[in-house]
Amino acid sequence: MLYFLTQILILNGMAVPMNSNPIPDRILFSLREPHQVAVSHLKSEKHHAYQPLKRIAFDEKMPLKTRWKSLMLLSEVYGSQSLPELEQAITHKAWFMRSAGLTALEKINQAKAKEFAFLKLKDDPSLLVRMKALELLKDSSNKDVKELMWKKIHSPDSFHQSRGLWIRQDLAQVLLKSAEIKDLKKWVKLLHDSESGVQVIAALALKKIGSNSNDESMDLSVLKKRYPLQKTL
């Protein structure tokens, strides 16, 4: 089959690099199958598929979709055996590989995935990777994670040309679930934020932690008068 495909490419004037160890056709065909079908096929090839999947995942000449799927399959078929490749992906120069690494790692080792997610939320240069990291951390009750989320709401990389990015609302939404009276000043600051979406979430938090939350108004102008930014709370 490989010989036949090579001849077609040559006849059409396309250069075909010589490879002494080509990817087996059956592995390439599996990547075209629906996910669960591919998993089933590759499990039957378990003794032969690891290196080909690894090569595909890190081959910059391969389509992004193929590389992503290859990494997902590598983790699902081989489990913890694929940890070195997943950690390599999480520190890769390409943002989509870092995101894929987090996604795959979550399925086989949630604790380790959250450790990496904390680091990625803290300072990954890609907004999409930081959003993926936040997704992994959204149910965390860890104090350090919560403090980082508060910090990231006001972090420069959560803005573009002074305009807040969507991740700020996502961060506030996660923090809303565990809103406490001790964070009152932080929520008041967000109530007076420049982004209307953030203000609305802050209003929900203040209603949740207010002294008479059942009667707490959701009118932003009313709340801003009740909780002025400069007032000592």
C-alpha atoms as a PDB file:
ATOM      1  CA  MET A   1       0.000   0.000   0.000  1.00  0.00           C
ATOM      2  CA  LEU A   2       2.781   2.433   0.903  1.00  0.00           C
ATOM      3  CA  TYR A   3       4.582   1.641  -2.373  1.00  0.00           C
ATOM      4  CA  PHE A   4       1.370   2.327  -4.333  1.00  0.00           C
ATOM      5  CA  LEU A   5       0.812   5.701  -2.615  1.00  0.00           C
ATOM      6  CA  THR A   6       4.454   6.634  -3.205  1.00  0.00           C
ATOM      7  CA  GLN A   7       4.175   5.938  -6.926  1.00  0.00           C
ATOM      8  CA  ILE A   8       1.078   8.153  -7.200  1.00  0.00           C
ATOM      9  CA  LEU A   9       2.865  11.033  -5.481  1.00  0.00           C
ATOM     10  CA  ILE A  10       5.921  10.658  -7.723  1.00  0.00           C
ATOM     11  CA  LEU A  11       3.771  10.615 -10.855  1.00  0.00           C
ATOM     12  CA  ASN A  12       2.098  13.828  -9.712  1.00  0.00           C
ATOM     13  CA  GLY A  13       5.418  15.548  -9.252  1.00  0.00           C
ATOM     14  CA  MET A  14       5.388  15.531  -5.462  1.00  0.00           C
ATOM     15  CA  ALA A  15       8.577  14.836  -3.564  1.00  0.00           C
ATOM     16  CA  VAL A  16       8.396  11.919  -1.141  1.00  0.00           C
ATOM     17  CA  PRO A  17      10.997  11.909   1.634  1.00  0.00           C
ATOM     18  CA  MET A  18      12.686   8.591   2.140  1.00  0.00           C
ATOM     19  CA  ASN A  19      12.065   7.149   5.581  1.00  0.00           C
ATOM     20  CA  SER A  20      13.706   3.959   6.702  1.00  0.00           C
ATOM     21  CA  ASN A  21      11.010   3.510   9.323  1.00  0.00           C
ATOM     22  CA  PRO A  22       7.663   4.742   7.877  1.00  0.00           C
ATOM     23  CA  ILE A  23       4.454   4.917   9.902  1.00  0.00           C
ATOM     24  CA  PRO A  24       2.535   1.649   9.326  1.00  0.00           C
ATOM     25  CA  ASP A  25      -0.539   2.135   7.150  1.00  0.00           C
ATOM     26  CA  ARG A  26      -2.769   0.431   9.714  1.00  0.00           C
ATOM     27  CA  ILE A  27      -1.825   3.083  12.298  1.00  0.00           C
ATOM     28  CA  LEU A  28      -2.542   5.925   9.878  1.00  0.00           C
ATOM     29  CA  PHE A  29      -5.864   4.356   8.939  1.00  0.00           C
ATOM     30  CA  SER A  30      -6.811   4.025  12.618  1.00  0.00           C
ATOM     31  CA  LEU A  31      -6.364   7.782  13.059  1.00  0.00           C
ATOM     32  CA  ARG A  32      -9.080   8.343  10.454  1.00  0.00           C
ATOM     33  CA  GLU A  33     -11.593   6.222  12.352  1.00  0.00           C
ATOM     34  CA  PRO A  34     -14.044   7.523  14.994  1.00  0.00           C
ATOM     35  CA  HIS A  35     -12.323   7.790  18.359  1.00  0.00           C
ATOM     36  CA  GLN A  36     -13.654   4.655  20.045  1.00  0.00           C
ATOM     37  CA  VAL A  37     -13.114   2.579  16.898  1.00  0.00           C
ATOM     38  CA  ALA A  38      -9.543   3.872  16.729  1.00  0.00           C
ATOM     39  CA  VAL A  39      -8.988   3.000  20.405  1.00  0.00           C
ATOM     40  CA  SER A  40     -10.211  -0.542  19.793  1.00  0.00           C
ATOM     41  CA  HIS A  41      -7.995  -0.988  16.738  1.00  0.00           C
ATOM     42  CA  LEU A  42      -4.920   0.428  18.435  1.00  0.00           C
ATOM     43  CA  LYS A  43      -5.357  -1.714  21.535  1.00  0.00           C
ATOM     44  CA  SER A  44      -5.072  -4.734  19.272  1.00  0.00           C
ATOM     45  CA  GLU A  45      -1.847  -3.172  17.961  1.00  0.00           C
ATOM     46  CA  LYS A  46      -0.635  -2.232  21.418  1.00  0.00           C
ATOM     47  CA  HIS A  47       2.842  -3.738  21.016  1.00  0.00           C
ATOM     48  CA  HIS A  48       3.450  -1.806  17.803  1.00  0.00           C
ATOM     49  CA  ALA A  49       1.534   1.482  18.004  1.00  0.00           C
ATOM     50  CA  TYR A  50       3.320   3.417  20.757  1.00  0.00           C
ATOM     51  CA  GLN A  51       6.280   4.774  18.793  1.00  0.00           C
ATOM     52  CA  PRO A  52       4.245   5.575  15.645  1.00  0.00           C
ATOM     53  CA  LEU A  53       1.661   7.511  17.690  1.00  0.00           C
ATOM     54  CA  LYS A  54       4.431   9.372  19.481  1.00  0.00           C
ATOM     55  CA  ARG A  55       6.139  10.264  16.204  1.00  0.00           C
ATOM     56  CA  ILE A  56       2.888  11.518  14.669  1.00  0.00           C
ATOM     57  CA  ALA A  57       2.009  13.629  17.722  1.00  0.00           C
ATOM     58  CA  PHE A  58       5.325  15.494  17.606  1.00  0.00           C
ATOM     59  CA  ASP A  59       5.721  15.649  13.825  1.00  0.00           C
ATOM     60  CA  GLU A  60       5.385  19.306  12.826  1.00  0.00           C
ATOM     61  CA  LYS A  61       4.606  18.282   9.240  1.00  0.00           C
ATOM     62  CA  MET A  62       1.448  16.464  10.301  1.00  0.00           C
ATOM     63  CA  PRO A  63      -1.947  18.250  10.389  1.00  0.00           C
ATOM     64  CA  LEU A  64      -2.802  19.679  13.808  1.00  0.00           C
ATOM     65  CA  LYS A  65      -5.969  17.588  14.061  1.00  0.00           C
ATOM     66  CA  THR A  66      -3.980  14.397  13.429  1.00  0.00           C
ATOM     67  CA  ARG A  67      -1.341  15.299  16.004  1.00  0.00           C
ATOM     68  CA  TRP A  68      -3.993  16.109  18.611  1.00  0.00           C
ATOM     69  CA  LYS A  69      -5.831  12.840  18.009  1.00  0.00           C
ATOM     70  CA  SER A  70      -2.614  10.868  18.092  1.00  0.00           C
ATOM     71  CA  LEU A  71      -1.740  12.267  21.517  1.00  0.00           C
ATOM     72  CA  MET A  72      -5.239  11.554  22.841  1.00  0.00           C
ATOM     73  CA  LEU A  73      -5.063   7.973  21.584  1.00  0.00           C
ATOM     74  CA  LEU A  74      -1.580   7.521  22.998  1.00  0.00           C
ATOM     75  CA  SER A  75      -2.833   8.437  26.468  1.00  0.00           C
ATOM     76  CA  GLU A  76      -6.018   6.371  26.255  1.00  0.00           C
ATOM     77  CA  VAL A  77      -4.415   3.228  24.875  1.00  0.00           C
ATOM     78  CA  TYR A  78      -1.250   3.292  27.010  1.00  0.00           C
ATOM     79  CA  GLY A  79      -2.377   5.135  30.146  1.00  0.00           C
ATOM     80  CA  SER A  80       0.382   6.073  32.586  1.00  0.00           C
ATOM     81  CA  GLN A  81       3.006   4.676  30.215  1.00  0.00           C
ATOM     82  CA  SER A  82       2.441   7.780  28.085  1.00  0.00           C
ATOM     83  CA  LEU A  83       3.226  10.237  30.912  1.00  0.00           C
ATOM     84  CA  PRO A  84       6.671  11.238  29.533  1.00  0.00           C
ATOM     85  CA  GLU A  85       5.084  12.188  26.193  1.00  0.00           C
ATOM     86  CA  LEU A  86       2.249  14.088  27.848  1.00  0.00           C
ATOM     87  CA  GLU A  87       4.661  16.072  30.012  1.00  0.00           C
ATOM     88  CA  GLN A  88       6.703  16.791  26.893  1.00  0.00           C
ATOM     89  CA  ALA A  89       3.554  18.041  25.171  1.00  0.00           C
ATOM     90  CA  ILE A  90       2.609  20.285  28.112  1.00  0.00           C
ATOM     91  CA  THR A  91       5.947  22.096  27.813  1.00  0.00           C
ATOM     92  CA  HIS A  92       5.916  22.164  23.991  1.00  0.00           C
ATOM     93  CA  LYS A  93       6.450  25.436  22.117  1.00  0.00           C
ATOM     94  CA  ALA A  94       3.113  25.068  20.286  1.00  0.00           C
ATOM     95  CA  TRP A  95       0.089  26.168  22.318  1.00  0.00           C
ATOM     96  CA  PHE A  96      -2.199  23.449  20.942  1.00  0.00           C
ATOM     97  CA  MET A  97       0.222  20.754  22.083  1.00  0.00           C
ATOM     98  CA  ARG A  98       0.279  22.220  25.585  1.00  0.00           C
ATOM     99  CA  SER A  99      -3.508  22.248  25.614  1.00  0.00           C
ATOM    100  CA  ALA A 100      -3.659  18.702  24.223  1.00  0.00           C
ATOM    101  CA  GLY A 101      -1.196  17.538  26.867  1.00  0.00           C
ATOM    102  CA  LEU A 102      -3.375  18.929  29.672  1.00  0.00           C
ATOM    103  CA  THR A 103      -6.501  17.396  28.150  1.00  0.00           C
ATOM    104  CA  ALA A 104      -4.915  13.971  27.793  1.00  0.00           C
ATOM    105  CA  LEU A 105      -3.232  14.024  31.195  1.00  0.00           C
ATOM    106  CA  GLU A 106      -6.514  14.807  32.949  1.00  0.00           C
ATOM    107  CA  LYS A 107      -7.887  11.451  31.794  1.00  0.00           C
ATOM    108  CA  ILE A 108      -5.114   9.365  33.328  1.00  0.00           C
ATOM    109  CA  ASN A 109      -3.792  11.377  36.286  1.00  0.00           C
ATOM    110  CA  GLN A 110      -6.020  14.194  37.538  1.00  0.00           C
ATOM    111  CA  ALA A 111      -3.741  15.172  40.423  1.00  0.00           C
ATOM    112  CA  LYS A 112      -0.755  15.647  38.127  1.00  0.00           C
ATOM    113  CA  ALA A 113      -2.926  17.408  35.542  1.00  0.00           C
ATOM    114  CA  LYS A 114      -3.995  19.948  38.185  1.00  0.00           C
ATOM    115  CA  GLU A 115      -0.381  20.537  39.196  1.00  0.00           C
ATOM    116  CA  PHE A 116       0.490  21.410  35.612  1.00  0.00           C
ATOM    117  CA  ALA A 117      -2.749  23.378  35.211  1.00  0.00           C
ATOM    118  CA  PHE A 118      -1.762  25.606  38.146  1.00  0.00           C
ATOM    119  CA  LEU A 119       1.541  26.433  36.437  1.00  0.00           C
ATOM    120  CA  LYS A 120      -0.155  27.027  33.097  1.00  0.00           C
ATOM    121  CA  LEU A 121      -2.839  29.276  34.539  1.00  0.00           C
ATOM    122  CA  LYS A 122      -0.115  31.231  36.292  1.00  0.00           C
ATOM    123  CA  ASP A 123       2.036  32.177  33.328  1.00  0.00           C
ATOM    124  CA  ASP A 124       1.352  30.335  30.064  1.00  0.00           C
ATOM    125  CA  PRO A 125       1.601  32.852  27.194  1.00  0.00           C
ATOM    126  CA  SER A 126      -1.446  31.398  25.433  1.00  0.00           C
ATOM    127  CA  LEU A 127      -4.913  32.525  26.523  1.00  0.00           C
ATOM    128  CA  LEU A 128      -6.421  29.265  25.260  1.00  0.00           C
ATOM    129  CA  VAL A 129      -4.023  27.200  27.361  1.00  0.00           C
ATOM    130  CA  ARG A 130      -4.788  29.323  30.424  1.00  0.00           C
ATOM    131  CA  MET A 131      -8.507  28.800  29.814  1.00  0.00           C
ATOM    132  CA  LYS A 132      -7.963  25.061  29.557  1.00  0.00           C
ATOM    133  CA  ALA A 133      -5.993  25.170  32.811  1.00  0.00           C
ATOM    134  CA  LEU A 134      -8.828  27.060  34.487  1.00  0.00           C
ATOM    135  CA  GLU A 135     -11.269  24.401  33.312  1.00  0.00           C
ATOM    136  CA  LEU A 136      -9.185  21.747  35.075  1.00  0.00           C
ATOM    137  CA  LEU A 137      -9.016  23.804  38.272  1.00  0.00           C
ATOM    138  CA  LYS A 138     -12.610  25.044  38.445  1.00  0.00           C
ATOM    139  CA  ASP A 139     -13.634  22.603  41.201  1.00  0.00           C
ATOM    140  CA  SER A 140     -10.470  22.961  43.261  1.00  0.00           C
ATOM    141  CA  SER A 141     -10.808  24.047  46.885  1.00  0.00           C
ATOM    142  CA  ASN A 142      -7.070  24.590  47.248  1.00  0.00           C
ATOM    143  CA  LYS A 143      -6.268  27.946  48.871  1.00  0.00           C
ATOM    144  CA  ASP A 144      -3.309  28.642  46.565  1.00  0.00           C
ATOM    145  CA  VAL A 145      -5.471  27.976  43.506  1.00  0.00           C
ATOM    146  CA  LYS A 146      -8.112  30.439  44.714  1.00  0.00           C
ATOM    147  CA  GLU A 147      -5.490  33.090  45.414  1.00  0.00           C
ATOM    148  CA  LEU A 148      -4.054  32.610  41.941  1.00  0.00           C
ATOM    149  CA  MET A 149      -7.506  33.025  40.379  1.00  0.00           C
ATOM    150  CA  TRP A 150      -8.005  36.327  42.204  1.00  0.00           C
ATOM    151  CA  LYS A 151      -4.599  37.469  41.018  1.00  0.00           C
ATOM    152  CA  LYS A 152      -5.251  36.481  37.395  1.00  0.00           C
ATOM    153  CA  ILE A 153      -8.459  38.535  37.216  1.00  0.00           C
ATOM    154  CA  HIS A 154      -6.277  41.658  37.469  1.00  0.00           C
ATOM    155  CA  SER A 155      -3.191  40.275  35.713  1.00  0.00           C
ATOM    156  CA  PRO A 156      -1.934  42.091  32.577  1.00  0.00           C
ATOM    157  CA  ASP A 157      -2.227  38.905  30.508  1.00  0.00           C
ATOM    158  CA  SER A 158      -5.983  38.911  31.195  1.00  0.00           C
ATOM    159  CA  PHE A 159      -6.274  42.140  29.176  1.00  0.00           C
ATOM    160  CA  HIS A 160      -5.682  43.177  25.594  1.00  0.00           C
ATOM    161  CA  GLN A 161      -5.080  46.887  25.035  1.00  0.00           C
ATOM    162  CA  SER A 162      -6.746  47.672  28.390  1.00  0.00           C
ATOM    163  CA  ARG A 163      -9.831  45.639  27.470  1.00  0.00           C
ATOM    164  CA  GLY A 164     -10.587  42.618  29.635  1.00  0.00           C
ATOM    165  CA  LEU A 165     -10.398  39.189  28.001  1.00  0.00           C
ATOM    166  CA  TRP A 166     -13.126  36.589  28.397  1.00  0.00           C
ATOM    167  CA  ILE A 167     -11.083  34.601  30.912  1.00  0.00           C
ATOM    168  CA  ARG A 168     -11.744  37.303  33.528  1.00  0.00           C
ATOM    169  CA  GLN A 169     -15.446  36.474  33.519  1.00  0.00           C
ATOM    170  CA  ASP A 170     -14.627  32.763  33.634  1.00  0.00           C
ATOM    171  CA  LEU A 171     -12.368  33.328  36.651  1.00  0.00           C
ATOM    172  CA  ALA A 172     -15.034  35.379  38.435  1.00  0.00           C
ATOM    173  CA  GLN A 173     -17.658  32.727  37.661  1.00  0.00           C
ATOM    174  CA  VAL A 174     -15.510  30.012  39.230  1.00  0.00           C
ATOM    175  CA  LEU A 175     -14.830  32.138  42.311  1.00  0.00           C
ATOM    176  CA  LEU A 176     -18.536  32.915  42.648  1.00  0.00           C
ATOM    177  CA  LYS A 177     -19.231  29.280  43.552  1.00  0.00           C
ATOM    178  CA  SER A 178     -17.274  29.676  46.791  1.00  0.00           C
ATOM    179  CA  ALA A 179     -17.912  33.368  47.497  1.00  0.00           C
ATOM    180  CA  GLU A 180     -17.261  34.177  51.172  1.00  0.00           C
ATOM    181  CA  ILE A 181     -17.592  37.244  53.365  1.00  0.00           C
ATOM    182  CA  LYS A 182     -13.807  37.374  53.815  1.00  0.00           C
ATOM    183  CA  ASP A 183     -13.516  38.267  50.128  1.00  0.00           C
ATOM    184  CA  LEU A 184     -16.015  41.128  50.345  1.00  0.00           C
ATOM    185  CA  LYS A 185     -13.489  43.824  49.419  1.00  0.00           C
ATOM    186  CA  LYS A 186     -12.381  41.846  46.376  1.00  0.00           C
ATOM    187  CA  TRP A 187     -15.952  41.500  45.153  1.00  0.00           C
ATOM    188  CA  VAL A 188     -16.624  45.200  45.746  1.00  0.00           C
ATOM    189  CA  LYS A 189     -13.615  46.005  43.585  1.00  0.00           C
ATOM    190  CA  LEU A 190     -15.029  43.787  40.826  1.00  0.00           C
ATOM    191  CA  LEU A 191     -18.434  45.444  41.215  1.00  0.00           C
ATOM    192  CA  HIS A 192     -16.730  48.661  40.077  1.00  0.00           C
ATOM    193  CA  ASP A 193     -14.757  46.906  37.329  1.00  0.00           C
ATOM    194  CA  SER A 194     -14.672  48.338  33.811  1.00  0.00           C
ATOM    195  CA  GLU A 195     -16.220  45.156  32.343  1.00  0.00           C
ATOM    196  CA  SER A 196     -20.001  44.856  32.671  1.00  0.00           C
ATOM    197  CA  GLY A 197     -19.882  41.057  32.630  1.00  0.00           C
ATOM    198  CA  VAL A 198     -17.537  41.035  35.618  1.00  0.00           C
ATOM    199  CA  GLN A 199     -19.760  43.548  37.425  1.00  0.00           C
ATOM    200  CA  VAL A 200     -22.800  41.282  37.073  1.00  0.00           C
ATOM    201  CA  ILE A 201     -20.929  38.313  38.547  1.00  0.00           C
ATOM    202  CA  ALA A 202     -19.710  40.504  41.421  1.00  0.00           C
ATOM    203  CA  ALA A 203     -23.311  41.545  42.071  1.00  0.00           C
ATOM    204  CA  LEU A 204     -24.303  37.883  42.321  1.00  0.00           C
ATOM    205  CA  ALA A 205     -21.463  37.291  44.783  1.00  0.00           C
ATOM    206  CA  LEU A 206     -22.485  40.255  46.945  1.00  0.00           C
ATOM    207  CA  LYS A 207     -26.074  39.041  46.956  1.00  0.00           C
ATOM    208  CA  LYS A 208     -24.815  35.622  48.038  1.00  0.00           C
ATOM    209  CA  ILE A 209     -22.683  36.880  50.912  1.00  0.00           C
ATOM    210  CA  GLY A 210     -24.749  39.957  51.872  1.00  0.00           C
ATOM    211  CA  SER A 211     -26.187  40.300  55.364  1.00  0.00           C
ATOM    212  CA  ASN A 212     -29.766  40.018  53.995  1.00  0.00           C
ATOM    213  CA  SER A 213     -29.037  38.223  50.765  1.00  0.00           C
ATOM    214  CA  ASN A 214     -32.694  37.407  50.148  1.00  0.00           C
ATOM    215  CA  ASP A 215     -33.448  41.125  49.829  1.00  0.00           C
ATOM    216  CA  GLU A 216     -30.165  42.145  48.230  1.00  0.00           C
ATOM    217  CA  SER A 217     -30.835  44.164  45.099  1.00  0.00           C
ATOM    218  CA  MET A 218     -29.318  43.065  41.804  1.00  0.00           C
ATOM    219  CA  ASP A 219     -29.488  46.595  40.423  1.00  0.00           C
ATOM    220  CA  LEU A 220     -25.875  47.553  39.786  1.00  0.00           C
ATOM    221  CA  SER A 221     -26.369  51.242  40.509  1.00  0.00           C
ATOM    222  CA  VAL A 222     -28.004  50.435  43.860  1.00  0.00           C
ATOM    223  CA  LEU A 223     -25.241  48.007  44.795  1.00  0.00           C
ATOM    224  CA  LYS A 224     -22.516  50.460  43.839  1.00  0.00           C
ATOM    225  CA  LYS A 225     -24.031  53.028  46.200  1.00  0.00           C
ATOM    226  CA  ARG A 226     -24.275  50.473  48.952  1.00  0.00           C
ATOM    227  CA  TYR A 227     -20.725  49.222  48.331  1.00  0.00           C
ATOM    228  CA  PRO A 228     -18.695  52.273  47.225  1.00  0.00           C
ATOM    229  CA  LEU A 229     -15.218  51.452  46.020  1.00  0.00           C
ATOM    230  CA  GLN A 230     -13.359  53.687  48.467  1.00  0.00           C
ATOM    231  CA  LYS A 231     -15.386  52.798  51.535  1.00  0.00           C
ATOM    232  CA  THR A 232     -13.595  51.007  54.356  1.00  0.00           C
ATOM    233  CA  LEU A 233     -15.334  47.684  54.791  1.00  0.00           C
END
